[in-house]
Amino acid sequence: MQLRDGARRTLFIVGTGLALLITIGAGNAQAMVTPPRGLAGPSLSGGTGLGLTEQALPGTSRSDLLAVAVAHLSARARTSTSTSTSTLGPLRKLLQADLFVIAPTTLPSSVVAAVQRLHGVVAAQPLEAARLEVNGKLTAVLGVNPSAFRAFAARPTADSLGLWQNVAAGGVAVSYTMSKLDNLPIGHNVQVTGQRVEELPVAGLGTVGIGGVDAVVSDTVAHSLGMPADNAIVISAPHADLNSLMRRVKKLLPHGAAIAPLVAQSATSGTPATGGEAGVTGTAAADGPGLTRAEVIAFLTAAESRLGMRYVWGGDGPDVFDCSGLVQWSLAQAGVVMPRVAAEQALSGPQVPLSKLEPGDLLFYHTDPTAPDYISHVAIYIGHGEMLQSPEPGEYVEIVPAWFGSGFAGAVAVYPRVAAAVADETVG
């Protein structure tokens, strides 16, 4: 087996879910470190084409909904918060979510103001972030001002007036993955438990682009659940050197606060390392070598030993797996450090043409219709036109013909140095 090699390159930074979230329960709030959840990578994701009925609040036309499914809220839900749908502001322009700050308690308004004044910062929006129980499962939840925050969402979600009206009216928007795996259909009531318990209707599905987040409520609902007010900031700085900006932001933060990037950036160009396709380019693609023959054999042997094991969302072995958990666990058996989710793993080496695929390369796919550039599934190429994957709930680790049709985002050769750098930035 011929293995790829390459020259050394400078490090790049990669953004995904922020590991620090605040767990809110009946007692005091506690900060904890938690890995992002698995299957679709860490984002509020979803779309149509799912057999869901699109419904809206009165006065909202079907064209307002675009590709995002929303629910008609009950009268109880519409009066459960003081946020009125009539106060929902217009969407003027989209903002790229580049950095995310989170703290165990409220961030002083002076910190938000100071961040907003930093060179390169286009917008800095305070919000609430915590892990709450949704129908008994701990879930990363954001509390937002719908009018101000919707600009940070993926375009189909941002454009969906109905979804944000429903969030403003007291509903909870959830990810497609969460809806599917936890059986939370549009309009279904869920029990959200913070310092108090609220019954909230599922108001819609849509991608907001903040890693690890699976639910969004209005800031008014967030306060009623006991989430600390304004304990997080989402920052848009599309033309800034994020590594430098993060250092400047850190100097402004109180003890216990953390910051993480939400996009990947080349250290030399300051531009995104990927644009919907798997694989890094330029100097970031030169830090070889790739996997050794021994590493490939150990990797594939470990993966094939998991055949028939059950898919579980967020599963990372040794007996249950989601797609990226299987890749991470199998490579760990070969001594290779990998980041946790598919979108991060897509940055673990250069893209390779299909004519040069080798066993041990990773295959990546887009599966979220509201974020068509987001990579949310990964499989392992094992040769002879076949791939090994942990496919979806209700199924098991399997070998199937490799698929290169609609939704295919590219193949990547794993470079251990690159993968380790990505993993380090994710948890750092």
Protein backbone atom coordinates (compact mmCIF):
# COMPACT_ATOMS: atom_id res chain seq x y z
CA MET A 1 0.00 0.00 0.00
CA GLN A 2 1.48 3.35 -1.01
CA LEU A 3 1.05 6.01 1.67
CA ARG A 4 1.00 9.75 1.11
CA ASP A 5 3.63 12.13 2.40
CA GLY A 6 4.00 15.86 2.57
CA ALA A 7 5.93 18.82 3.90
CA ARG A 8 5.37 20.63 7.18
CA ARG A 9 3.00 23.58 7.28
CA THR A 10 1.90 26.22 9.77
CA LEU A 11 -0.91 25.47 12.19
CA PHE A 12 -4.44 26.66 11.61
CA ILE A 13 -7.29 27.13 14.02
CA VAL A 14 -10.61 25.38 13.77
CA GLY A 15 -13.92 26.19 15.41
CA THR A 16 -16.71 23.91 16.47
CA GLY A 17 -18.75 23.54 19.61
CA LEU A 18 -17.58 25.24 22.78
CA ALA A 19 -16.85 22.62 25.42
CA LEU A 20 -17.86 24.81 28.37
CA LEU A 21 -21.58 25.00 28.97
CA ILE A 22 -23.52 25.80 32.09
CA THR A 23 -25.76 23.13 33.57
CA ILE A 24 -28.87 24.61 35.16
CA GLY A 25 -30.97 22.53 37.51
CA ALA A 26 -33.00 22.82 40.66
CA GLY A 27 -29.84 23.78 42.54
CA ASN A 28 -27.10 26.24 41.71
CA ALA A 29 -25.69 26.62 38.24
CA GLN A 30 -22.48 24.70 37.62
CA ALA A 31 -19.95 25.01 34.85
CA MET A 32 -18.94 21.77 33.21
CA VAL A 33 -16.92 20.61 30.25
CA THR A 34 -18.77 18.42 27.81
CA PRO A 35 -17.92 17.19 24.31
CA PRO A 36 -20.19 18.20 21.46
CA ARG A 37 -22.93 15.76 20.52
CA GLY A 38 -22.34 13.52 17.60
CA LEU A 39 -24.22 12.74 14.41
CA ALA A 40 -24.69 15.99 12.60
CA GLY A 41 -21.81 17.66 14.24
CA PRO A 42 -22.61 20.37 16.60
CA SER A 43 -25.32 22.54 15.18
CA LEU A 44 -28.96 23.28 15.31
CA SER A 45 -29.86 21.63 12.04
CA GLY A 46 -32.86 20.62 10.06
CA GLY A 47 -35.03 21.35 7.05
CA THR A 48 -37.94 20.33 4.94
CA GLY A 49 -38.36 17.25 2.83
CA LEU A 50 -39.11 15.45 6.08
CA GLY A 51 -42.85 15.03 5.78
CA LEU A 52 -43.43 17.88 8.24
CA THR A 53 -46.28 20.32 7.94
CA GLU A 54 -45.31 23.96 7.65
CA GLN A 55 -47.58 26.10 9.75
CA ALA A 56 -47.26 29.67 10.88
CA LEU A 57 -48.74 32.16 13.25
CA PRO A 58 -51.58 34.27 11.87
CA GLY A 59 -50.38 36.79 9.32
CA THR A 60 -47.38 34.75 8.16
CA SER A 61 -47.46 33.55 4.56
CA ARG A 62 -46.02 30.28 3.33
CA SER A 63 -43.32 32.22 1.45
CA ASP A 64 -42.09 33.57 4.78
CA LEU A 65 -41.22 30.05 5.88
CA LEU A 66 -38.90 29.14 3.01
CA ALA A 67 -37.20 25.82 3.74
CA VAL A 68 -37.75 25.84 7.49
CA ALA A 69 -40.66 24.01 9.08
CA VAL A 70 -42.45 25.87 11.88
CA ALA A 71 -45.43 25.14 14.04
CA HIS A 72 -48.61 26.99 14.93
CA LEU A 73 -48.38 27.74 18.64
CA SER A 74 -51.21 27.34 21.08
CA ALA A 75 -52.83 30.35 22.69
CA ARG A 76 -51.15 29.34 25.96
CA ALA A 77 -47.72 29.42 24.32
CA ARG A 78 -48.37 32.75 22.66
CA THR A 79 -49.12 34.34 26.01
CA SER A 80 -46.48 32.53 28.05
CA THR A 81 -43.81 35.20 27.48
CA SER A 82 -43.79 38.95 27.20
CA THR A 83 -42.06 38.85 23.81
CA SER A 84 -44.60 39.86 21.16
CA THR A 85 -44.44 38.69 17.56
CA SER A 86 -45.30 42.23 16.53
CA THR A 87 -41.94 43.39 17.91
CA LEU A 88 -39.92 41.02 15.71
CA GLY A 89 -37.48 43.24 13.85
CA PRO A 90 -36.67 42.95 10.15
CA LEU A 91 -33.72 40.93 8.89
CA ARG A 92 -31.33 43.46 7.37
CA LYS A 93 -28.23 41.35 6.64
CA LEU A 94 -26.68 38.07 7.65
CA LEU A 95 -23.79 37.95 10.08
CA GLN A 96 -21.11 35.27 10.18
CA ALA A 97 -20.79 33.71 13.64
CA ASP A 98 -17.03 33.56 14.19
CA LEU A 99 -16.38 33.40 17.95
CA PHE A 100 -18.41 32.31 20.97
CA VAL A 101 -17.84 33.45 24.56
CA ILE A 102 -19.47 31.78 27.55
CA ALA A 103 -19.27 32.29 31.31
CA PRO A 104 -20.88 30.64 34.36
CA THR A 105 -22.60 33.91 35.31
CA THR A 106 -23.76 37.13 33.69
CA LEU A 107 -21.06 38.93 31.75
CA PRO A 108 -20.83 42.63 32.66
CA SER A 109 -22.28 44.95 30.03
CA SER A 110 -18.92 46.71 29.99
CA VAL A 111 -17.33 43.51 28.64
CA VAL A 112 -19.85 43.29 25.80
CA ALA A 113 -19.28 46.96 24.98
CA ALA A 114 -15.50 46.49 25.02
CA VAL A 115 -15.74 43.47 22.71
CA GLN A 116 -17.92 45.45 20.31
CA ARG A 117 -15.24 48.15 20.11
CA LEU A 118 -12.40 45.75 19.19
CA HIS A 119 -10.92 46.22 15.74
CA GLY A 120 -12.38 43.71 13.28
CA VAL A 121 -15.56 43.04 15.27
CA VAL A 122 -18.64 43.67 13.13
CA ALA A 123 -21.19 42.61 15.77
CA ALA A 124 -21.24 41.14 19.27
CA GLN A 125 -24.61 39.90 20.50
CA PRO A 126 -25.16 38.90 24.15
CA LEU A 127 -27.33 35.85 24.82
CA GLU A 128 -27.92 33.03 27.29
CA ALA A 129 -26.31 29.59 27.02
CA ALA A 130 -26.86 26.59 29.29
CA ARG A 131 -27.45 22.87 29.34
CA LEU A 132 -31.04 22.12 30.33
CA GLU A 133 -33.04 18.93 30.42
CA VAL A 134 -35.34 18.61 27.41
CA ASN A 135 -37.66 15.67 28.04
CA GLY A 136 -35.10 14.36 30.52
CA LYS A 137 -32.01 14.70 28.28
CA LEU A 138 -29.33 17.32 28.87
CA THR A 139 -29.33 19.62 25.85
CA ALA A 140 -27.35 22.71 24.90
CA VAL A 141 -29.87 25.57 24.76
CA LEU A 142 -29.52 29.21 23.74
CA GLY A 143 -31.74 32.01 24.97
CA VAL A 144 -31.85 34.78 22.38
CA ASN A 145 -33.48 37.99 21.31
CA PRO A 146 -35.08 36.63 18.11
CA SER A 147 -34.90 39.95 16.27
CA ALA A 148 -31.21 40.49 17.01
CA PHE A 149 -29.99 36.91 16.85
CA ARG A 150 -31.64 35.62 13.68
CA ALA A 151 -29.00 37.35 11.52
CA PHE A 152 -26.40 34.87 12.84
CA ALA A 153 -28.37 31.86 11.62
CA ALA A 154 -27.97 30.04 8.30
CA ARG A 155 -29.88 31.86 5.57
CA PRO A 156 -32.96 29.58 5.31
CA THR A 157 -33.41 29.78 9.08
CA ALA A 158 -32.68 33.50 9.27
CA ASP A 159 -35.20 34.19 6.50
CA SER A 160 -37.94 32.18 8.19
CA LEU A 161 -40.11 34.85 9.77
CA GLY A 162 -42.51 32.19 11.01
CA LEU A 163 -39.86 30.30 12.96
CA TRP A 164 -38.61 33.38 14.78
CA GLN A 165 -42.15 34.58 15.45
CA ASN A 166 -42.85 31.24 17.06
CA VAL A 167 -39.68 31.39 19.16
CA ALA A 168 -40.61 34.93 20.21
CA ALA A 169 -44.07 33.64 21.11
CA GLY A 170 -42.70 31.10 23.57
CA GLY A 171 -41.78 28.03 21.56
CA VAL A 172 -38.50 26.15 21.28
CA ALA A 173 -36.76 25.65 17.93
CA VAL A 174 -34.83 22.38 17.84
CA SER A 175 -32.41 20.65 15.51
CA TYR A 176 -33.63 18.18 12.95
CA THR A 177 -31.33 15.56 14.48
CA MET A 178 -32.80 16.11 17.93
CA SER A 179 -36.33 16.09 16.54
CA LYS A 180 -35.74 12.80 14.74
CA LEU A 181 -33.77 10.97 17.42
CA ASP A 182 -35.84 12.09 20.39
CA ASN A 183 -39.19 11.89 18.56
CA LEU A 184 -40.04 15.58 18.90
CA PRO A 185 -42.31 16.43 15.96
CA ILE A 186 -43.35 19.95 15.02
CA GLY A 187 -45.99 21.20 17.45
CA HIS A 188 -45.18 18.53 20.04
CA ASN A 189 -44.89 19.83 23.60
CA VAL A 190 -41.60 19.18 25.40
CA GLN A 191 -40.73 19.53 29.06
CA VAL A 192 -37.77 21.85 29.56
CA THR A 193 -36.25 21.76 33.03
CA GLY A 194 -34.02 24.45 34.43
CA GLN A 195 -34.51 26.02 37.83
CA ARG A 196 -38.18 25.65 36.98
CA VAL A 197 -40.07 23.45 34.52
CA GLU A 198 -41.77 24.78 31.38
CA GLU A 199 -43.92 22.97 28.80
CA LEU A 200 -42.91 24.40 25.44
CA PRO A 201 -44.15 23.52 21.93
CA VAL A 202 -41.60 22.61 19.27
CA ALA A 203 -41.78 25.76 17.17
CA GLY A 204 -39.56 24.85 14.26
CA LEU A 205 -36.38 23.30 12.91
CA GLY A 206 -33.41 25.30 11.70
CA THR A 207 -29.66 25.79 11.74
CA VAL A 208 -28.20 28.63 13.81
CA GLY A 209 -24.55 27.76 13.32
CA ILE A 210 -23.43 27.65 16.95
CA GLY A 211 -21.65 24.37 17.56
CA GLY A 212 -23.21 21.92 19.99
CA VAL A 213 -26.53 23.78 20.17
CA ASP A 214 -29.71 21.74 19.72
CA ALA A 215 -32.40 24.13 21.00
CA VAL A 216 -33.17 27.84 20.98
CA VAL A 217 -35.71 29.78 23.05
CA SER A 218 -36.40 33.47 23.52
CA ASP A 219 -34.45 35.32 26.16
CA THR A 220 -37.69 35.79 28.11
CA VAL A 221 -38.23 32.02 28.26
CA ALA A 222 -34.56 31.56 29.13
CA HIS A 223 -34.93 33.84 32.12
CA SER A 224 -38.03 32.00 33.29
CA LEU A 225 -36.03 28.75 33.14
CA GLY A 226 -33.30 30.23 35.32
CA MET A 227 -30.60 30.58 32.68
CA PRO A 228 -28.09 33.27 33.71
CA ALA A 229 -28.80 36.46 31.79
CA ASP A 230 -26.29 37.45 29.10
CA ASN A 231 -23.70 34.86 30.08
CA ALA A 232 -22.59 34.37 26.48
CA ILE A 233 -21.63 36.45 23.42
CA VAL A 234 -21.64 35.50 19.75
CA ILE A 235 -19.14 37.56 17.78
CA SER A 236 -19.01 38.30 14.07
CA ALA A 237 -15.58 39.27 12.76
CA PRO A 238 -15.42 37.87 9.22
CA HIS A 239 -12.28 39.73 8.16
CA ALA A 240 -10.29 39.53 11.39
CA ASP A 241 -7.42 37.21 12.25
CA LEU A 242 -9.38 35.10 14.74
CA ASN A 243 -6.32 33.84 16.57
CA SER A 244 -5.26 37.41 17.33
CA LEU A 245 -8.81 38.53 18.10
CA MET A 246 -9.34 35.65 20.53
CA ARG A 247 -6.27 36.75 22.51
CA ARG A 248 -7.62 40.29 22.73
CA VAL A 249 -11.08 39.11 23.78
CA LYS A 250 -9.61 36.83 26.45
CA LYS A 251 -7.97 39.83 28.12
CA LEU A 252 -11.41 41.37 28.59
CA LEU A 253 -13.12 38.32 30.09
CA PRO A 254 -13.62 37.65 33.82
CA HIS A 255 -12.30 34.54 35.51
CA GLY A 256 -14.14 31.39 34.48
CA ALA A 257 -15.18 32.65 31.04
CA ALA A 258 -14.06 30.82 27.90
CA ILE A 259 -13.90 31.56 24.18
CA ALA A 260 -13.88 29.30 21.13
CA PRO A 261 -13.83 29.80 17.35
CA LEU A 262 -16.87 28.76 15.32
CA VAL A 263 -15.15 28.69 11.93
CA ALA A 264 -11.89 27.32 10.62
CA GLN A 265 -9.28 29.79 9.47
CA SER A 266 -5.94 29.54 7.75
CA ALA A 267 -3.19 30.99 9.87
CA THR A 268 -1.52 32.57 6.85
CA SER A 269 -4.44 33.92 4.88
CA GLY A 270 -7.03 34.56 7.58
CA THR A 271 -9.68 33.05 5.32
CA PRO A 272 -11.88 30.03 5.96
CA ALA A 273 -10.03 26.75 5.45
CA THR A 274 -13.08 25.08 3.97
CA GLY A 275 -16.07 26.26 1.99
CA GLY A 276 -18.50 23.39 2.21
CA GLU A 277 -16.00 20.85 0.89
CA ALA A 278 -14.00 18.44 3.01
CA GLY A 279 -10.26 18.84 3.26
CA VAL A 280 -7.84 21.65 4.06
CA THR A 281 -5.89 23.52 1.39
CA GLY A 282 -2.73 25.60 0.99
CA THR A 283 -0.17 25.49 3.78
CA ALA A 284 -2.66 23.68 6.02
CA ALA A 285 -2.60 20.73 3.63
CA ALA A 286 1.15 20.22 3.68
CA ASP A 287 1.75 19.03 7.24
CA GLY A 288 2.23 15.35 6.44
CA PRO A 289 2.99 12.60 6.47
CA GLY A 290 -0.30 10.77 6.25
CA LEU A 291 -1.14 7.56 8.06
CA THR A 292 1.58 4.92 8.03
CA ARG A 293 0.84 1.44 6.75
CA ALA A 294 0.72 0.16 10.33
CA GLU A 295 -1.70 2.92 11.35
CA VAL A 296 -4.01 2.20 8.40
CA ILE A 297 -4.08 -1.52 9.24
CA ALA A 298 -4.78 -0.84 12.93
CA PHE A 299 -7.44 1.75 12.02
CA LEU A 300 -9.33 -0.51 9.62
CA THR A 301 -8.99 -3.55 11.86
CA ALA A 302 -10.51 -1.61 14.75
CA ALA A 303 -13.35 -0.24 12.60
CA GLU A 304 -14.21 -3.65 11.14
CA SER A 305 -14.27 -5.13 14.65
CA ARG A 306 -17.27 -2.87 15.37
CA LEU A 307 -19.43 -4.26 12.56
CA GLY A 308 -22.98 -4.94 13.74
CA MET A 309 -22.77 -2.61 16.72
CA ARG A 310 -25.66 -0.24 17.29
CA TYR A 311 -25.82 3.39 16.17
CA VAL A 312 -26.44 5.78 19.08
CA TRP A 313 -26.39 9.55 18.65
CA GLY A 314 -23.32 10.83 20.48
CA GLY A 315 -21.96 7.31 20.90
CA ASP A 316 -18.17 7.13 20.91
CA GLY A 317 -17.59 3.47 21.74
CA PRO A 318 -16.63 0.93 22.51
CA ASP A 319 -20.05 -0.68 22.00
CA VAL A 320 -22.24 2.08 20.50
CA PHE A 321 -21.30 4.71 17.93
CA ASP A 322 -22.47 7.58 15.82
CA CYS A 323 -20.66 8.18 12.53
CA SER A 324 -17.88 10.41 13.80
CA GLY A 325 -17.59 8.53 17.08
CA LEU A 326 -16.73 5.39 15.13
CA VAL A 327 -14.00 7.22 13.21
CA GLN A 328 -12.53 8.80 16.34
CA TRP A 329 -12.55 5.54 18.34
CA SER A 330 -11.11 3.45 15.50
CA LEU A 331 -8.27 5.86 14.84
CA ALA A 332 -7.54 6.05 18.57
CA GLN A 333 -6.85 2.30 18.47
CA ALA A 334 -4.12 3.16 15.94
CA GLY A 335 -2.72 5.87 18.22
CA VAL A 336 -4.09 8.74 16.10
CA VAL A 337 -5.82 11.67 17.83
CA MET A 338 -8.93 12.90 16.03
CA PRO A 339 -11.48 15.63 16.77
CA ARG A 340 -14.95 14.46 17.76
CA VAL A 341 -17.44 15.46 15.08
CA ALA A 342 -17.65 15.10 11.30
CA ALA A 343 -17.25 18.80 10.50
CA GLU A 344 -13.99 18.85 12.46
CA GLN A 345 -12.75 15.56 11.06
CA ALA A 346 -13.21 16.99 7.57
CA LEU A 347 -10.31 19.33 8.44
CA SER A 348 -7.93 16.51 9.39
CA GLY A 349 -6.03 16.49 6.09
CA PRO A 350 -6.11 17.40 2.39
CA GLN A 351 -8.89 16.45 0.01
CA VAL A 352 -7.94 13.67 -2.41
CA PRO A 353 -9.45 12.95 -5.83
CA LEU A 354 -11.63 9.88 -6.12
CA SER A 355 -9.16 8.38 -8.61
CA LYS A 356 -6.57 8.27 -5.83
CA LEU A 357 -8.72 6.98 -2.97
CA GLU A 358 -6.91 4.63 -0.62
CA PRO A 359 -8.14 2.46 2.27
CA GLY A 360 -8.25 4.57 5.41
CA ASP A 361 -9.36 7.78 3.67
CA LEU A 362 -12.50 9.43 5.05
CA LEU A 363 -15.62 10.23 3.00
CA PHE A 364 -17.76 13.22 4.00
CA TYR A 365 -21.35 14.23 3.26
CA HIS A 366 -23.82 17.12 3.57
CA THR A 367 -27.14 15.99 5.07
CA ASP A 368 -28.67 19.21 6.48
CA PRO A 369 -30.91 20.99 3.94
CA THR A 370 -30.97 24.23 5.96
CA ALA A 371 -27.16 24.39 5.96
CA PRO A 372 -26.09 22.88 2.64
CA ASP A 373 -22.40 23.62 3.27
CA TYR A 374 -22.32 21.93 6.67
CA ILE A 375 -20.59 18.53 6.80
CA SER A 376 -22.63 16.21 8.99
CA HIS A 377 -21.74 12.61 8.08
CA VAL A 378 -18.50 10.67 7.71
CA ALA A 379 -17.67 7.16 6.50
CA ILE A 380 -14.43 5.19 6.15
CA TYR A 381 -13.23 4.08 2.72
CA ILE A 382 -12.00 0.48 2.94
CA GLY A 383 -11.15 -0.18 -0.70
CA HIS A 384 -12.80 -2.02 -3.60
CA GLY A 385 -15.48 0.68 -3.87
CA GLU A 386 -16.83 0.08 -0.34
CA MET A 387 -17.12 2.13 2.80
CA LEU A 388 -17.70 1.34 6.47
CA GLN A 389 -20.04 3.56 8.45
CA SER A 390 -22.32 3.93 11.43
CA PRO A 391 -25.34 5.16 9.46
CA GLU A 392 -28.28 6.38 11.56
CA PRO A 393 -30.61 5.54 14.46
CA GLY A 394 -32.13 2.07 14.27
CA GLU A 395 -29.23 0.78 12.21
CA TYR A 396 -25.83 -0.76 12.87
CA VAL A 397 -22.21 -0.37 11.83
CA GLU A 398 -22.08 -1.71 8.28
CA ILE A 399 -20.14 -2.04 5.05
CA VAL A 400 -21.91 -0.63 1.97
CA PRO A 401 -20.97 0.55 -1.52
CA ALA A 402 -19.24 3.94 -1.35
CA TRP A 403 -21.57 6.77 -2.38
CA PHE A 404 -20.32 9.75 -4.41
CA GLY A 405 -23.61 11.26 -5.53
CA SER A 406 -25.74 14.07 -4.17
CA GLY A 407 -24.50 15.35 -0.83
CA PHE A 408 -20.95 14.06 -1.19
CA ALA A 409 -18.54 16.67 0.20
CA GLY A 410 -15.21 15.07 -0.63
CA ALA A 411 -12.64 12.53 0.51
CA VAL A 412 -9.84 13.34 2.94
CA ALA A 413 -6.49 11.69 3.65
CA VAL A 414 -5.90 11.80 7.42
CA TYR A 415 -2.70 13.62 8.43
CA PRO A 416 -2.14 12.87 12.14
CA ARG A 417 -0.41 16.23 12.84
CA VAL A 418 -3.28 18.14 11.28
CA ALA A 419 -5.92 16.03 13.07
CA ALA A 420 -4.19 16.51 16.42
CA ALA A 421 -4.02 20.29 15.89
CA VAL A 422 -7.74 20.42 15.10
CA ALA A 423 -8.57 18.29 18.14
CA ASP A 424 -6.39 20.48 20.35
CA GLU A 425 -8.11 23.67 19.20
CA THR A 426 -11.53 22.09 19.78
CA VAL A 427 -10.94 21.22 23.42
CA GLY A 428 -8.45 23.95 24.20
